[in-house]
Amino acid sequence: MSTRWTPNKVTFLRVVVGFAAVCLFGHGAWANLTAVGLTVAAIALDALDGHLARKKKMATPVGAQLDILGDRMIENVYFTYFAVVGMVSLWLPVLFFARGAATDFLRSLAMKTGHSGWGANAMLRTWWGQALVASRWSRGSYAAMKCLCFCYLGLELALTRGPVALVGELAADVHAMIRVGAQVLTWMTAAFCLLRGLPVLVEGWKYIAGNVGPARGAKSATQEAV
């Protein structure tokens, strides 16, 4: 019996692969290297589910939301792990979580009014918003930055940290350079994450106003009736 791969199944597999990679981190140098390989596979699967959705015309609003959910889970589990082991600031996963929660909340309000996250009926109406959030170059660049960030940190973990590091003890200046590279890369990824969320935050306020207005009107009507 043949298995028919759908974008949603690929998204589920991507999350499983990502979690498996994080579970391997910290269990020895070769486990760390295997985790880096699985990380690359997880990012590749992120590109594959979108390709399948477009090529087979299987894109749906639910599928788009599942894809975003998969992104959130992967981002948060990786950055949380690297924060726990002291390789990145604890504020980094906090920032990604807060940004994701805010944008997903606004997207949910937009969906209640009949808008989606993509296509002709997308919630983003400005050209710059669509370019920053929905364009292929933006999504591809963001995926590449996350992949580079996770792999860099994973390789640093495998090669230079702990008693089973594959590379011997490094000079202090070399270790400092590696650490600076990690910090620059992670905060550049965070900055691009915030930049991509900005159009959703800016254009999403109208959906909050649209929900607050009727709620206040209903409250006033209830008070008058009482």
N, C-alpha and C. Protein backbone atom coordinates (compact mmCIF):
# COMPACT_ATOMS: atom_id res chain seq x y z
N MET A 1 0.86 -1.20 0.00
CA MET A 1 0.00 0.00 0.00
C MET A 1 0.89 1.24 0.00
N SER A 2 0.69 2.11 -0.97
CA SER A 2 1.52 3.30 -1.11
C SER A 2 1.05 4.39 -0.14
N THR A 3 2.02 5.14 0.36
CA THR A 3 1.73 6.24 1.27
C THR A 3 1.71 7.54 0.49
N ARG A 4 0.62 8.26 0.57
CA ARG A 4 0.48 9.51 -0.14
C ARG A 4 0.93 10.65 0.77
N TRP A 5 2.06 11.24 0.39
CA TRP A 5 2.60 12.32 1.20
C TRP A 5 1.86 13.62 0.92
N THR A 6 1.44 14.27 1.98
CA THR A 6 0.77 15.55 1.89
C THR A 6 1.62 16.59 2.60
N PRO A 7 1.41 17.87 2.33
CA PRO A 7 2.16 18.91 3.04
C PRO A 7 2.04 18.81 4.56
N ASN A 8 0.84 18.48 5.05
CA ASN A 8 0.65 18.39 6.50
C ASN A 8 1.44 17.24 7.11
N LYS A 9 1.55 16.12 6.38
CA LYS A 9 2.36 15.00 6.87
C LYS A 9 3.84 15.38 6.91
N VAL A 10 4.28 16.12 5.91
CA VAL A 10 5.68 16.56 5.88
C VAL A 10 5.94 17.52 7.04
N THR A 11 4.97 18.40 7.33
CA THR A 11 5.12 19.31 8.47
C THR A 11 5.24 18.53 9.78
N PHE A 12 4.42 17.51 9.95
CA PHE A 12 4.49 16.67 11.15
C PHE A 12 5.86 15.98 11.24
N LEU A 13 6.33 15.44 10.11
CA LEU A 13 7.64 14.79 10.10
C LEU A 13 8.74 15.78 10.44
N ARG A 14 8.63 17.00 9.95
CA ARG A 14 9.63 18.04 10.24
C ARG A 14 9.73 18.30 11.74
N VAL A 15 8.59 18.39 12.40
CA VAL A 15 8.59 18.63 13.84
C VAL A 15 9.23 17.46 14.58
N VAL A 16 8.90 16.24 14.16
CA VAL A 16 9.48 15.04 14.80
C VAL A 16 11.00 15.03 14.63
N VAL A 17 11.47 15.32 13.42
CA VAL A 17 12.91 15.34 13.16
C VAL A 17 13.59 16.42 13.99
N GLY A 18 12.97 17.60 14.08
CA GLY A 18 13.54 18.68 14.87
C GLY A 18 13.65 18.32 16.34
N PHE A 19 12.60 17.72 16.90
CA PHE A 19 12.64 17.33 18.30
C PHE A 19 13.66 16.22 18.53
N ALA A 20 13.78 15.30 17.57
CA ALA A 20 14.79 14.24 17.69
C ALA A 20 16.19 14.83 17.72
N ALA A 21 16.41 15.86 16.90
CA ALA A 21 17.72 16.51 16.87
C ALA A 21 18.05 17.14 18.23
N VAL A 22 17.10 17.86 18.79
CA VAL A 22 17.34 18.51 20.08
C VAL A 22 17.57 17.47 21.18
N CYS A 23 16.87 16.33 21.10
CA CYS A 23 17.07 15.27 22.08
C CYS A 23 18.48 14.69 22.02
N LEU A 24 19.12 14.73 20.85
CA LEU A 24 20.48 14.20 20.69
C LEU A 24 21.54 15.16 21.19
N PHE A 25 21.25 16.46 21.15
CA PHE A 25 22.25 17.44 21.60
C PHE A 25 22.64 17.16 23.05
N GLY A 26 23.94 17.28 23.31
CA GLY A 26 24.42 17.11 24.68
C GLY A 26 24.70 15.69 25.09
N HIS A 27 24.58 14.74 24.15
CA HIS A 27 24.82 13.33 24.47
C HIS A 27 26.09 12.82 23.79
N GLY A 28 27.07 13.68 23.68
CA GLY A 28 28.33 13.27 23.07
C GLY A 28 28.56 13.98 21.75
N ALA A 29 29.84 14.01 21.36
CA ALA A 29 30.20 14.76 20.16
C ALA A 29 29.53 14.21 18.91
N TRP A 30 29.51 12.88 18.76
CA TRP A 30 28.94 12.30 17.54
C TRP A 30 27.41 12.42 17.54
N ALA A 31 26.80 12.37 18.70
CA ALA A 31 25.36 12.61 18.78
C ALA A 31 25.06 14.05 18.39
N ASN A 32 25.93 14.98 18.80
CA ASN A 32 25.75 16.38 18.42
C ASN A 32 25.85 16.56 16.92
N LEU A 33 26.82 15.88 16.30
CA LEU A 33 26.97 15.97 14.84
C LEU A 33 25.76 15.37 14.13
N THR A 34 25.25 14.26 14.66
CA THR A 34 24.03 13.67 14.08
C THR A 34 22.86 14.64 14.19
N ALA A 35 22.80 15.33 15.33
CA ALA A 35 21.74 16.32 15.54
C ALA A 35 21.84 17.46 14.53
N VAL A 36 23.06 17.86 14.20
CA VAL A 36 23.25 18.91 13.18
C VAL A 36 22.71 18.43 11.84
N GLY A 37 23.00 17.17 11.49
CA GLY A 37 22.48 16.62 10.23
C GLY A 37 20.96 16.57 10.22
N LEU A 38 20.36 16.20 11.34
CA LEU A 38 18.90 16.18 11.43
C LEU A 38 18.32 17.58 11.36
N THR A 39 19.07 18.55 11.87
CA THR A 39 18.62 19.94 11.79
C THR A 39 18.52 20.40 10.34
N VAL A 40 19.54 20.07 9.56
CA VAL A 40 19.50 20.40 8.13
C VAL A 40 18.31 19.72 7.46
N ALA A 41 18.05 18.46 7.84
CA ALA A 41 16.92 17.73 7.27
C ALA A 41 15.59 18.40 7.64
N ALA A 42 15.47 18.87 8.89
CA ALA A 42 14.24 19.52 9.32
C ALA A 42 13.98 20.80 8.53
N ILE A 43 15.03 21.59 8.28
CA ILE A 43 14.87 22.82 7.49
C ILE A 43 14.53 22.48 6.05
N ALA A 44 15.13 21.41 5.51
CA ALA A 44 14.82 20.99 4.14
C ALA A 44 13.36 20.55 4.03
N LEU A 45 12.86 19.87 5.05
CA LEU A 45 11.45 19.46 5.06
C LEU A 45 10.52 20.67 5.12
N ASP A 46 10.98 21.75 5.74
CA ASP A 46 10.20 22.98 5.77
C ASP A 46 9.99 23.52 4.36
N ALA A 47 11.04 23.43 3.54
CA ALA A 47 10.90 23.86 2.15
C ALA A 47 10.05 22.89 1.35
N LEU A 48 10.15 21.59 1.69
CA LEU A 48 9.43 20.56 0.92
C LEU A 48 7.92 20.66 1.09
N ASP A 49 7.45 20.94 2.31
CA ASP A 49 6.00 20.99 2.49
C ASP A 49 5.37 22.13 1.69
N GLY A 50 6.07 23.27 1.64
CA GLY A 50 5.56 24.37 0.82
C GLY A 50 5.59 24.05 -0.66
N HIS A 51 6.65 23.36 -1.09
CA HIS A 51 6.75 22.98 -2.50
C HIS A 51 5.62 22.02 -2.89
N LEU A 52 5.33 21.05 -2.02
CA LEU A 52 4.25 20.11 -2.30
C LEU A 52 2.90 20.83 -2.36
N ALA A 53 2.70 21.76 -1.44
CA ALA A 53 1.42 22.49 -1.40
C ALA A 53 1.20 23.27 -2.68
N ARG A 54 2.26 23.90 -3.19
CA ARG A 54 2.12 24.68 -4.43
C ARG A 54 2.02 23.79 -5.66
N LYS A 55 2.88 22.78 -5.73
CA LYS A 55 2.93 21.94 -6.93
C LYS A 55 1.68 21.10 -7.10
N LYS A 56 1.18 20.54 -6.01
CA LYS A 56 0.02 19.66 -6.06
C LYS A 56 -1.29 20.41 -5.78
N LYS A 57 -1.19 21.75 -5.64
CA LYS A 57 -2.36 22.58 -5.37
C LYS A 57 -3.13 22.06 -4.14
N MET A 58 -2.39 21.80 -3.09
CA MET A 58 -2.97 21.30 -1.85
C MET A 58 -2.90 22.33 -0.72
N ALA A 59 -2.63 23.58 -1.07
CA ALA A 59 -2.54 24.64 -0.05
C ALA A 59 -3.93 24.93 0.51
N THR A 60 -4.02 24.97 1.84
CA THR A 60 -5.27 25.27 2.52
C THR A 60 -4.97 26.22 3.69
N PRO A 61 -5.96 26.96 4.17
CA PRO A 61 -5.74 27.81 5.35
C PRO A 61 -5.28 27.01 6.57
N VAL A 62 -5.86 25.82 6.76
CA VAL A 62 -5.46 24.99 7.89
C VAL A 62 -4.01 24.54 7.73
N GLY A 63 -3.64 24.16 6.51
CA GLY A 63 -2.26 23.76 6.25
C GLY A 63 -1.29 24.89 6.51
N ALA A 64 -1.68 26.10 6.13
CA ALA A 64 -0.82 27.26 6.39
C ALA A 64 -0.63 27.48 7.88
N GLN A 65 -1.70 27.30 8.66
CA GLN A 65 -1.60 27.46 10.11
C GLN A 65 -0.75 26.36 10.73
N LEU A 66 -0.87 25.13 10.21
CA LEU A 66 -0.04 24.03 10.71
C LEU A 66 1.44 24.27 10.41
N ASP A 67 1.71 24.85 9.24
CA ASP A 67 3.08 25.16 8.88
C ASP A 67 3.67 26.20 9.84
N ILE A 68 2.88 27.21 10.17
CA ILE A 68 3.32 28.23 11.13
C ILE A 68 3.52 27.61 12.51
N LEU A 69 2.60 26.72 12.91
CA LEU A 69 2.74 26.04 14.20
C LEU A 69 4.03 25.23 14.25
N GLY A 70 4.34 24.53 13.14
CA GLY A 70 5.58 23.77 13.08
C GLY A 70 6.80 24.67 13.22
N ASP A 71 6.75 25.82 12.56
CA ASP A 71 7.86 26.79 12.69
C ASP A 71 8.04 27.22 14.14
N ARG A 72 6.93 27.53 14.82
CA ARG A 72 7.01 27.99 16.20
C ARG A 72 7.61 26.90 17.10
N MET A 73 7.17 25.68 16.91
CA MET A 73 7.66 24.59 17.76
C MET A 73 9.16 24.37 17.55
N ILE A 74 9.60 24.40 16.30
CA ILE A 74 11.02 24.19 16.01
C ILE A 74 11.85 25.32 16.59
N GLU A 75 11.45 26.56 16.32
CA GLU A 75 12.21 27.71 16.82
C GLU A 75 12.33 27.67 18.34
N ASN A 76 11.20 27.46 19.01
CA ASN A 76 11.20 27.54 20.46
C ASN A 76 12.00 26.42 21.11
N VAL A 77 11.90 25.20 20.57
CA VAL A 77 12.60 24.10 21.21
C VAL A 77 14.12 24.24 21.02
N TYR A 78 14.56 24.70 19.85
CA TYR A 78 16.00 24.88 19.63
C TYR A 78 16.56 25.99 20.51
N PHE A 79 15.95 27.16 20.43
CA PHE A 79 16.49 28.30 21.18
C PHE A 79 16.37 28.08 22.69
N THR A 80 15.32 27.39 23.13
CA THR A 80 15.20 27.09 24.56
C THR A 80 16.32 26.16 25.00
N TYR A 81 16.61 25.14 24.21
CA TYR A 81 17.70 24.23 24.58
C TYR A 81 19.03 24.98 24.67
N PHE A 82 19.35 25.75 23.64
CA PHE A 82 20.64 26.44 23.65
C PHE A 82 20.71 27.50 24.75
N ALA A 83 19.56 28.04 25.16
CA ALA A 83 19.55 28.97 26.29
C ALA A 83 19.79 28.23 27.60
N VAL A 84 19.18 27.06 27.74
CA VAL A 84 19.32 26.27 28.97
C VAL A 84 20.78 25.86 29.19
N VAL A 85 21.47 25.49 28.11
CA VAL A 85 22.88 25.07 28.27
C VAL A 85 23.83 26.26 28.26
N GLY A 86 23.29 27.48 28.20
CA GLY A 86 24.12 28.67 28.36
C GLY A 86 24.82 29.16 27.11
N MET A 87 24.36 28.73 25.93
CA MET A 87 25.03 29.14 24.69
C MET A 87 24.42 30.41 24.09
N VAL A 88 23.19 30.71 24.44
CA VAL A 88 22.56 31.95 24.00
C VAL A 88 21.85 32.56 25.20
N SER A 89 21.47 33.82 25.07
CA SER A 89 20.77 34.50 26.13
C SER A 89 19.38 33.90 26.34
N LEU A 90 18.93 33.85 27.59
CA LEU A 90 17.59 33.38 27.89
C LEU A 90 16.52 34.26 27.25
N TRP A 91 16.87 35.53 27.00
CA TRP A 91 15.92 36.45 26.37
C TRP A 91 15.63 36.08 24.92
N LEU A 92 16.50 35.29 24.32
CA LEU A 92 16.28 34.94 22.90
C LEU A 92 15.03 34.08 22.72
N PRO A 93 14.89 32.94 23.42
CA PRO A 93 13.63 32.19 23.27
C PRO A 93 12.42 32.97 23.76
N VAL A 94 12.61 33.81 24.77
CA VAL A 94 11.49 34.64 25.24
C VAL A 94 11.02 35.57 24.11
N LEU A 95 11.98 36.17 23.41
CA LEU A 95 11.65 37.07 22.31
C LEU A 95 10.91 36.33 21.20
N PHE A 96 11.41 35.15 20.82
CA PHE A 96 10.76 34.38 19.75
C PHE A 96 9.35 33.96 20.17
N PHE A 97 9.20 33.56 21.43
CA PHE A 97 7.88 33.14 21.89
C PHE A 97 6.91 34.31 21.90
N ALA A 98 7.34 35.46 22.40
CA ALA A 98 6.46 36.63 22.47
C ALA A 98 6.07 37.11 21.08
N ARG A 99 7.04 37.16 20.20
CA ARG A 99 6.74 37.59 18.82
C ARG A 99 5.75 36.63 18.17
N GLY A 100 5.98 35.32 18.33
CA GLY A 100 5.09 34.33 17.74
C GLY A 100 3.69 34.40 18.30
N ALA A 101 3.58 34.58 19.62
CA ALA A 101 2.27 34.65 20.25
C ALA A 101 1.49 35.87 19.75
N ALA A 102 2.17 37.00 19.62
CA ALA A 102 1.50 38.22 19.18
C ALA A 102 1.02 38.11 17.73
N THR A 103 1.89 37.65 16.85
CA THR A 103 1.51 37.56 15.43
C THR A 103 0.44 36.49 15.21
N ASP A 104 0.54 35.38 15.92
CA ASP A 104 -0.46 34.32 15.75
C ASP A 104 -1.82 34.76 16.27
N PHE A 105 -1.83 35.56 17.35
CA PHE A 105 -3.09 36.10 17.86
C PHE A 105 -3.75 37.01 16.83
N LEU A 106 -2.96 37.87 16.20
CA LEU A 106 -3.52 38.78 15.20
C LEU A 106 -3.97 38.01 13.96
N ARG A 107 -3.25 36.98 13.60
CA ARG A 107 -3.68 36.16 12.45
C ARG A 107 -5.00 35.47 12.76
N SER A 108 -5.19 35.03 13.99
CA SER A 108 -6.45 34.37 14.34
C SER A 108 -7.62 35.35 14.25
N LEU A 109 -7.40 36.61 14.65
CA LEU A 109 -8.45 37.62 14.50
C LEU A 109 -8.76 37.87 13.03
N ALA A 110 -7.71 37.89 12.20
CA ALA A 110 -7.92 38.11 10.77
C ALA A 110 -8.70 36.96 10.15
N MET A 111 -8.43 35.73 10.59
CA MET A 111 -9.14 34.58 10.05
C MET A 111 -10.62 34.63 10.40
N LYS A 112 -10.97 35.19 11.55
CA LYS A 112 -12.38 35.31 11.92
C LYS A 112 -13.14 36.24 11.00
N THR A 113 -12.42 37.16 10.36
CA THR A 113 -13.07 38.08 9.42
C THR A 113 -12.98 37.57 7.98
N GLY A 114 -12.48 36.35 7.79
CA GLY A 114 -12.43 35.76 6.46
C GLY A 114 -11.11 35.90 5.73
N HIS A 115 -10.11 36.46 6.41
CA HIS A 115 -8.80 36.60 5.77
C HIS A 115 -7.92 35.41 6.10
N SER A 116 -6.95 35.18 5.22
CA SER A 116 -6.00 34.09 5.43
C SER A 116 -4.59 34.67 5.50
N GLY A 117 -3.63 33.79 5.71
CA GLY A 117 -2.25 34.25 5.80
C GLY A 117 -1.54 34.32 4.47
N TRP A 118 -2.24 33.95 3.38
CA TRP A 118 -1.58 33.89 2.08
C TRP A 118 -2.65 34.11 1.00
N GLY A 119 -2.19 34.27 -0.23
CA GLY A 119 -3.09 34.38 -1.37
C GLY A 119 -3.75 35.74 -1.52
N ALA A 120 -4.78 35.78 -2.39
CA ALA A 120 -5.44 37.04 -2.71
C ALA A 120 -6.22 37.60 -1.52
N ASN A 121 -6.62 36.72 -0.60
CA ASN A 121 -7.40 37.16 0.55
C ASN A 121 -6.55 37.27 1.81
N ALA A 122 -5.26 37.51 1.62
CA ALA A 122 -4.33 37.56 2.77
C ALA A 122 -4.61 38.78 3.63
N MET A 123 -4.29 38.66 4.92
CA MET A 123 -4.52 39.78 5.85
C MET A 123 -3.59 40.94 5.56
N LEU A 124 -2.42 40.67 4.99
CA LEU A 124 -1.46 41.73 4.68
C LEU A 124 -1.81 42.34 3.33
N ARG A 125 -2.08 43.63 3.31
CA ARG A 125 -2.52 44.29 2.08
C ARG A 125 -1.45 45.16 1.46
N THR A 126 -0.46 45.58 2.23
CA THR A 126 0.57 46.47 1.71
C THR A 126 1.64 45.65 0.98
N TRP A 127 2.28 46.27 -0.02
CA TRP A 127 3.30 45.56 -0.78
C TRP A 127 4.50 45.22 0.08
N TRP A 128 4.84 46.15 1.00
CA TRP A 128 6.03 45.90 1.82
C TRP A 128 5.76 44.81 2.85
N GLY A 129 4.52 44.72 3.33
CA GLY A 129 4.17 43.66 4.25
C GLY A 129 4.22 42.29 3.59
N GLN A 130 3.67 42.21 2.38
CA GLN A 130 3.71 40.94 1.65
C GLN A 130 5.14 40.56 1.28
N ALA A 131 5.97 41.55 0.95
CA ALA A 131 7.36 41.26 0.60
C ALA A 131 8.14 40.74 1.80
N LEU A 132 7.91 41.32 2.98
CA LEU A 132 8.67 40.92 4.17
C LEU A 132 8.19 39.59 4.75
N VAL A 133 6.92 39.28 4.59
CA VAL A 133 6.36 38.11 5.26
C VAL A 133 6.14 36.94 4.30
N ALA A 134 5.53 37.21 3.16
CA ALA A 134 5.04 36.12 2.32
C ALA A 134 5.90 35.81 1.10
N SER A 135 6.84 36.68 0.75
CA SER A 135 7.63 36.43 -0.46
C SER A 135 8.58 35.25 -0.26
N ARG A 136 8.94 34.63 -1.36
CA ARG A 136 9.83 33.46 -1.30
C ARG A 136 11.21 33.84 -0.80
N TRP A 137 11.70 35.03 -1.19
CA TRP A 137 13.05 35.42 -0.75
C TRP A 137 13.09 35.62 0.75
N SER A 138 12.01 36.17 1.31
CA SER A 138 11.97 36.40 2.75
C SER A 138 11.89 35.09 3.51
N ARG A 139 10.99 34.22 3.09
CA ARG A 139 10.85 32.93 3.77
C ARG A 139 12.11 32.09 3.62
N GLY A 140 12.69 32.12 2.41
CA GLY A 140 13.91 31.36 2.18
C GLY A 140 15.09 31.89 2.98
N SER A 141 15.20 33.21 3.04
CA SER A 141 16.30 33.82 3.81
C SER A 141 16.16 33.51 5.30
N TYR A 142 14.93 33.58 5.80
CA TYR A 142 14.71 33.32 7.22
C TYR A 142 15.02 31.86 7.56
N ALA A 143 14.58 30.95 6.69
CA ALA A 143 14.86 29.53 6.92
C ALA A 143 16.37 29.26 6.87
N ALA A 144 17.06 29.91 5.93
CA ALA A 144 18.50 29.73 5.83
C ALA A 144 19.22 30.27 7.06
N MET A 145 18.76 31.41 7.58
CA MET A 145 19.38 31.99 8.78
C MET A 145 19.18 31.09 9.99
N LYS A 146 17.97 30.55 10.14
CA LYS A 146 17.72 29.65 11.26
C LYS A 146 18.56 28.38 11.14
N CYS A 147 18.64 27.84 9.94
CA CYS A 147 19.43 26.63 9.73
C CYS A 147 20.90 26.89 10.07
N LEU A 148 21.42 28.01 9.58
CA LEU A 148 22.81 28.37 9.86
C LEU A 148 23.03 28.58 11.35
N CYS A 149 22.10 29.24 12.00
CA CYS A 149 22.20 29.51 13.43
C CYS A 149 22.20 28.21 14.24
N PHE A 150 21.23 27.33 13.98
CA PHE A 150 21.14 26.08 14.73
C PHE A 150 22.35 25.19 14.47
N CYS A 151 22.79 25.13 13.21
CA CYS A 151 23.93 24.28 12.87
C CYS A 151 25.23 24.83 13.45
N TYR A 152 25.38 26.14 13.45
CA TYR A 152 26.57 26.76 14.04
C TYR A 152 26.65 26.42 15.53
N LEU A 153 25.55 26.61 16.24
CA LEU A 153 25.53 26.31 17.67
C LEU A 153 25.74 24.82 17.92
N GLY A 154 25.14 23.98 17.07
CA GLY A 154 25.32 22.55 17.22
C GLY A 154 26.76 22.11 16.97
N LEU A 155 27.38 22.68 15.96
CA LEU A 155 28.78 22.37 15.69
C LEU A 155 29.70 22.87 16.80
N GLU A 156 29.40 24.06 17.31
CA GLU A 156 30.18 24.57 18.44
C GLU A 156 30.08 23.62 19.63
N LEU A 157 28.87 23.11 19.86
CA LEU A 157 28.66 22.18 20.96
C LEU A 157 29.45 20.89 20.74
N ALA A 158 29.47 20.41 19.48
CA ALA A 158 30.15 19.15 19.19
C ALA A 158 31.67 19.28 19.19
N LEU A 159 32.15 20.41 18.69
CA LEU A 159 33.59 20.53 18.44
C LEU A 159 34.37 21.14 19.60
N THR A 160 33.74 22.01 20.37
CA THR A 160 34.53 22.79 21.33
C THR A 160 34.06 22.74 22.77
N ARG A 161 32.88 22.17 23.04
CA ARG A 161 32.35 22.26 24.41
C ARG A 161 32.25 20.88 25.05
N GLY A 162 32.53 20.83 26.32
CA GLY A 162 32.36 19.61 27.08
C GLY A 162 33.58 18.71 27.05
N PRO A 163 33.57 17.67 27.87
CA PRO A 163 34.72 16.76 27.97
C PRO A 163 34.90 15.86 26.76
N VAL A 164 33.87 15.73 25.91
CA VAL A 164 33.99 14.85 24.75
C VAL A 164 34.04 15.66 23.45
N ALA A 165 34.49 16.89 23.51
CA ALA A 165 34.59 17.72 22.31
C ALA A 165 35.58 17.11 21.33
N LEU A 166 35.26 17.19 20.04
CA LEU A 166 36.11 16.60 19.01
C LEU A 166 37.40 17.38 18.81
N VAL A 167 37.38 18.66 19.12
CA VAL A 167 38.57 19.49 19.01
C VAL A 167 39.13 19.71 20.42
N GLY A 168 40.44 19.65 20.53
CA GLY A 168 41.06 19.86 21.83
C GLY A 168 40.84 21.25 22.36
N GLU A 169 41.41 21.52 23.50
CA GLU A 169 41.23 22.82 24.13
C GLU A 169 41.77 23.93 23.23
N LEU A 170 40.94 24.95 23.02
CA LEU A 170 41.30 26.04 22.11
C LEU A 170 41.88 27.21 22.90
N ALA A 171 42.64 28.01 22.18
CA ALA A 171 43.16 29.25 22.78
C ALA A 171 41.99 30.16 23.13
N ALA A 172 42.20 30.97 24.14
CA ALA A 172 41.12 31.84 24.63
C ALA A 172 40.60 32.77 23.55
N ASP A 173 41.49 33.31 22.72
CA ASP A 173 41.04 34.25 21.69
C ASP A 173 40.24 33.55 20.61
N VAL A 174 40.61 32.31 20.29
CA VAL A 174 39.85 31.54 19.29
C VAL A 174 38.46 31.22 19.82
N HIS A 175 38.42 30.79 21.07
CA HIS A 175 37.12 30.49 21.69
C HIS A 175 36.24 31.74 21.74
N ALA A 176 36.85 32.87 22.05
CA ALA A 176 36.11 34.13 22.11
C ALA A 176 35.55 34.50 20.74
N MET A 177 36.33 34.29 19.69
CA MET A 177 35.85 34.58 18.33
C MET A 177 34.67 33.70 17.96
N ILE A 178 34.75 32.42 18.33
CA ILE A 178 33.64 31.51 18.05
C ILE A 178 32.38 31.96 18.78
N ARG A 179 32.54 32.40 20.02
CA ARG A 179 31.41 32.88 20.81
C ARG A 179 30.82 34.15 20.23
N VAL A 180 31.67 35.06 19.77
CA VAL A 180 31.18 36.29 19.15
C VAL A 180 30.39 35.97 17.89
N GLY A 181 30.91 35.03 17.09
CA GLY A 181 30.19 34.62 15.89
C GLY A 181 28.81 34.07 16.21
N ALA A 182 28.73 33.29 17.29
CA ALA A 182 27.44 32.73 17.69
C ALA A 182 26.46 33.83 18.10
N GLN A 183 26.95 34.79 18.88
CA GLN A 183 26.08 35.87 19.34
C GLN A 183 25.60 36.73 18.18
N VAL A 184 26.52 37.06 17.27
CA VAL A 184 26.14 37.87 16.11
C VAL A 184 25.10 37.15 15.27
N LEU A 185 25.32 35.87 15.02
CA LEU A 185 24.41 35.10 14.17
C LEU A 185 23.04 34.96 14.81
N THR A 186 23.00 34.65 16.09
CA THR A 186 21.70 34.46 16.75
C THR A 186 20.90 35.75 16.83
N TRP A 187 21.56 36.87 17.13
CA TRP A 187 20.81 38.13 17.25
C TRP A 187 20.46 38.70 15.89
N MET A 188 21.23 38.39 14.85
CA MET A 188 20.82 38.75 13.49
C MET A 188 19.57 37.99 13.09
N THR A 189 19.51 36.70 13.45
CA THR A 189 18.32 35.89 13.18
C THR A 189 17.12 36.45 13.94
N ALA A 190 17.35 36.84 15.19
CA ALA A 190 16.26 37.41 15.99
C ALA A 190 15.78 38.73 15.40
N ALA A 191 16.71 39.56 14.93
CA ALA A 191 16.33 40.84 14.34
C ALA A 191 15.50 40.63 13.08
N PHE A 192 15.89 39.67 12.25
CA PHE A 192 15.12 39.39 11.03
C PHE A 192 13.75 38.82 11.39
N CYS A 193 13.70 38.03 12.46
CA CYS A 193 12.42 37.50 12.94
C CYS A 193 11.48 38.65 13.32
N LEU A 194 12.00 39.63 14.06
CA LEU A 194 11.19 40.78 14.45
C LEU A 194 10.77 41.61 13.24
N LEU A 195 11.69 41.76 12.30
CA LEU A 195 11.39 42.53 11.09
C LEU A 195 10.26 41.88 10.30
N ARG A 196 10.28 40.56 10.19
CA ARG A 196 9.21 39.85 9.47
C ARG A 196 7.89 39.90 10.22
N GLY A 197 7.93 40.04 11.53
CA GLY A 197 6.69 40.13 12.29
C GLY A 197 6.09 41.52 12.31
N LEU A 198 6.90 42.53 11.98
CA LEU A 198 6.44 43.92 12.04
C LEU A 198 5.21 44.19 11.18
N PRO A 199 5.15 43.75 9.91
CA PRO A 199 3.94 44.02 9.11
C PRO A 199 2.68 43.42 9.72
N VAL A 200 2.80 42.22 10.32
CA VAL A 200 1.63 41.60 10.93
C VAL A 200 1.16 42.43 12.13
N LEU A 201 2.11 42.93 12.91
CA LEU A 201 1.75 43.75 14.07
C LEU A 201 1.13 45.08 13.65
N VAL A 202 1.71 45.71 12.61
CA VAL A 202 1.22 47.01 12.16
C VAL A 202 -0.17 46.89 11.53
N GLU A 203 -0.32 45.93 10.61
CA GLU A 203 -1.58 45.80 9.90
C GLU A 203 -2.63 45.04 10.71
N GLY A 204 -2.21 44.35 11.76
CA GLY A 204 -3.15 43.57 12.55
C GLY A 204 -3.93 44.36 13.56
N TRP A 205 -3.47 45.58 13.89
CA TRP A 205 -4.18 46.37 14.90
C TRP A 205 -5.62 46.68 14.49
N LYS A 206 -5.87 46.76 13.19
CA LYS A 206 -7.24 47.07 12.76
C LYS A 206 -8.21 45.96 13.12
N TYR A 207 -7.71 44.71 13.22
CA TYR A 207 -8.58 43.61 13.61
C TYR A 207 -8.90 43.67 15.09
N ILE A 208 -7.95 44.18 15.89
CA ILE A 208 -8.24 44.40 17.31
C ILE A 208 -9.30 45.48 17.47
N ALA A 209 -9.13 46.58 16.72
CA ALA A 209 -10.10 47.67 16.77
C ALA A 209 -11.47 47.20 16.31
N GLY A 210 -11.49 46.34 15.30
CA GLY A 210 -12.75 45.83 14.79
C GLY A 210 -13.47 44.94 15.77
N ASN A 211 -12.71 44.25 16.64
CA ASN A 211 -13.34 43.39 17.65
C ASN A 211 -13.71 44.16 18.90
N VAL A 212 -12.91 45.17 19.24
CA VAL A 212 -13.18 45.96 20.45
C VAL A 212 -14.43 46.81 20.28
N GLY A 213 -14.60 47.39 19.05
CA GLY A 213 -15.75 48.26 18.79
C GLY A 213 -17.08 47.57 19.01
N PRO A 214 -17.34 46.42 18.34
CA PRO A 214 -18.60 45.72 18.57
C PRO A 214 -18.78 45.26 20.01
N ALA A 215 -17.67 44.88 20.67
CA ALA A 215 -17.78 44.41 22.06
C ALA A 215 -18.24 45.55 22.96
N ARG A 216 -17.70 46.76 22.75
CA ARG A 216 -18.12 47.91 23.55
C ARG A 216 -19.58 48.27 23.26
N GLY A 217 -19.97 48.16 21.97
CA GLY A 217 -21.34 48.46 21.61
C GLY A 217 -22.32 47.50 22.26
N ALA A 218 -21.96 46.22 22.29
CA ALA A 218 -22.83 45.21 22.92
C ALA A 218 -22.92 45.44 24.41
N LYS A 219 -21.81 45.83 25.04
CA LYS A 219 -21.81 46.10 26.47
C LYS A 219 -22.72 47.28 26.80
N SER A 220 -22.63 48.35 25.97
CA SER A 220 -23.47 49.54 26.19
C SER A 220 -24.94 49.19 26.04
N ALA A 221 -25.25 48.38 25.00
CA ALA A 221 -26.64 48.01 24.77
C ALA A 221 -27.19 47.20 25.95
N THR A 222 -26.35 46.33 26.50
CA THR A 222 -26.78 45.52 27.66
C THR A 222 -27.05 46.39 28.87
N GLN A 223 -26.15 47.37 29.09
CA GLN A 223 -26.33 48.27 30.24
C GLN A 223 -27.59 49.10 30.10
N GLU A 224 -27.89 49.55 28.85
CA GLU A 224 -29.10 50.36 28.64
C GLU A 224 -30.35 49.51 28.87
N ALA A 225 -30.27 48.26 28.45
CA ALA A 225 -31.43 47.39 28.64
C ALA A 225 -31.69 47.13 30.12
N VAL A 226 -30.63 47.03 30.89
CA VAL A 226 -30.78 46.84 32.33
C VAL A 226 -31.34 48.08 32.99
